[in-house]
Amino acid sequence: MSETVLILRAAKWEMADERTGEIRKGCTIHYINDYQVETPNAVGDAPMKVQASDEVFAEVKKHKAPGVYEINTRTKPGKEGQATVVMTQAKFVQAFTLAQAR
C-alpha cells in the first residue's frame, strides 16, 4: 500500500532476545497520515508506530524528520500469525517545520 505521511521520528534499536540471547535489530518509525476519527472525547491525529527496513531508516536519516514522505507498506505474519504492518519504502517529498510562534 502506498500513501503520503508525515514521518515524525525514525529510531534504530538493538536488544538481546530474552530466551535465546540472539541479538535482534530493527527500526521503528513514528508517523501520522490523513486518517482521523473525531469522537466526543478525542480530536487530532494519533501517531502510529511501525517497524521498517534499514533502507527506510537511511532515507529518513538522509532527508531528516519530521518530513513528508511517500511510503509503501506490506503485511507480514507476526506473533501467532497476526498480520503486522511493515514500512518497506520511504521516498522524501518535502521538509516539515512548525511555524514559529509570534
Protein backbone atom coordinates (compact mmCIF):
# COMPACT_ATOMS: atom_id res chain seq x y z
CA MET A 1 0.00 0.00 0.00
CA SER A 2 1.24 3.48 -0.83
CA GLU A 3 0.34 6.71 0.95
CA THR A 4 1.70 10.12 1.87
CA VAL A 5 2.54 10.57 5.55
CA LEU A 6 4.36 12.85 7.95
CA ILE A 7 7.22 10.87 9.49
CA LEU A 8 7.91 12.23 12.96
CA ARG A 9 10.79 10.00 14.03
CA ALA A 10 12.91 7.08 12.91
CA ALA A 11 14.90 5.17 15.52
CA LYS A 12 17.13 2.10 15.25
CA TRP A 13 17.13 -0.37 18.10
CA GLU A 14 19.12 -3.42 19.21
CA MET A 15 18.48 -5.87 22.04
CA ALA A 16 19.18 -9.43 23.10
CA ASP A 17 16.34 -11.96 22.88
CA GLU A 18 15.49 -12.99 26.45
CA ARG A 19 15.14 -16.70 25.61
CA THR A 20 17.87 -17.28 23.02
CA GLY A 21 20.33 -14.45 23.65
CA GLU A 22 20.24 -13.71 19.92
CA ILE A 23 20.86 -10.04 19.11
CA ARG A 24 17.80 -8.58 17.40
CA LYS A 25 17.95 -5.32 15.45
CA GLY A 26 15.35 -3.15 13.83
CA CYS A 27 13.99 0.28 13.13
CA THR A 28 10.82 1.91 14.44
CA ILE A 29 9.06 4.70 12.55
CA HIS A 30 6.50 7.02 14.15
CA TYR A 31 4.21 8.80 11.69
CA ILE A 32 0.80 10.30 11.07
CA ASN A 33 -1.36 10.10 7.97
CA ASP A 34 -4.59 11.76 6.91
CA TYR A 35 -6.80 9.23 8.71
CA GLN A 36 -8.51 10.98 11.58
CA VAL A 37 -11.51 9.92 13.58
CA GLU A 38 -13.02 12.64 15.71
CA THR A 39 -15.07 11.49 18.68
CA PRO A 40 -16.69 13.34 21.56
CA ASN A 41 -13.55 12.57 23.59
CA ALA A 42 -10.74 12.96 21.03
CA VAL A 43 -9.62 15.22 18.20
CA GLY A 44 -6.44 15.32 16.15
CA ASP A 45 -4.16 12.72 14.64
CA ALA A 46 -2.87 9.79 16.68
CA PRO A 47 0.72 8.85 15.79
CA MET A 48 1.26 5.32 14.53
CA LYS A 49 4.30 3.11 15.02
CA VAL A 50 5.62 0.51 12.56
CA GLN A 51 8.79 -1.45 12.02
CA ALA A 52 10.87 -0.56 8.97
CA SER A 53 13.85 -1.70 6.93
CA ASP A 54 17.38 -0.30 7.20
CA GLU A 55 16.79 1.32 3.78
CA VAL A 56 13.83 3.28 5.16
CA PHE A 57 15.95 4.43 8.12
CA ALA A 58 18.74 5.55 5.78
CA GLU A 59 16.30 7.56 3.64
CA VAL A 60 14.78 9.30 6.66
CA LYS A 61 18.21 9.95 8.19
CA LYS A 62 19.37 11.46 4.88
CA HIS A 63 16.40 13.82 4.48
CA LYS A 64 15.57 14.30 8.19
CA ALA A 65 12.38 14.12 10.22
CA PRO A 66 9.83 15.42 10.62
CA GLY A 67 9.21 15.32 6.92
CA VAL A 68 6.60 14.39 4.35
CA TYR A 69 7.29 11.02 2.69
CA GLU A 70 5.56 8.77 0.20
CA ILE A 71 5.69 5.35 1.85
CA ASN A 72 4.99 1.76 0.92
CA THR A 73 3.89 -0.80 3.46
CA ARG A 74 3.19 -4.52 3.45
CA THR A 75 1.99 -7.06 5.94
CA LYS A 76 3.91 -9.99 7.36
CA PRO A 77 2.98 -12.70 9.83
CA GLY A 78 3.61 -11.70 13.41
CA LYS A 79 3.03 -13.40 16.75
CA GLU A 80 0.55 -16.27 16.41
CA GLY A 81 0.04 -15.44 12.72
CA GLN A 82 -1.37 -11.98 13.44
CA ALA A 83 -0.76 -9.63 10.48
CA THR A 84 1.85 -6.96 11.19
CA VAL A 85 2.36 -3.84 9.04
CA VAL A 86 5.95 -3.10 7.98
CA MET A 87 7.19 0.02 6.16
CA THR A 88 9.24 -1.14 3.18
CA GLN A 89 9.99 2.14 1.40
CA ALA A 90 10.01 5.87 2.14
CA LYS A 91 10.54 8.46 -0.60
CA PHE A 92 11.21 12.04 0.56
CA VAL A 93 8.64 14.60 -0.63
CA GLN A 94 9.32 17.74 1.41
CA ALA A 95 10.65 19.02 4.72
CA PHE A 96 8.29 19.93 7.53
CA THR A 97 8.79 22.56 10.23
CA LEU A 98 6.41 24.05 12.72
CA ALA A 99 5.67 27.75 12.27
CA GLN A 100 7.35 29.90 14.87
CA ALA A 101 5.02 31.45 17.47
CA ARG A 102 4.83 35.23 17.22
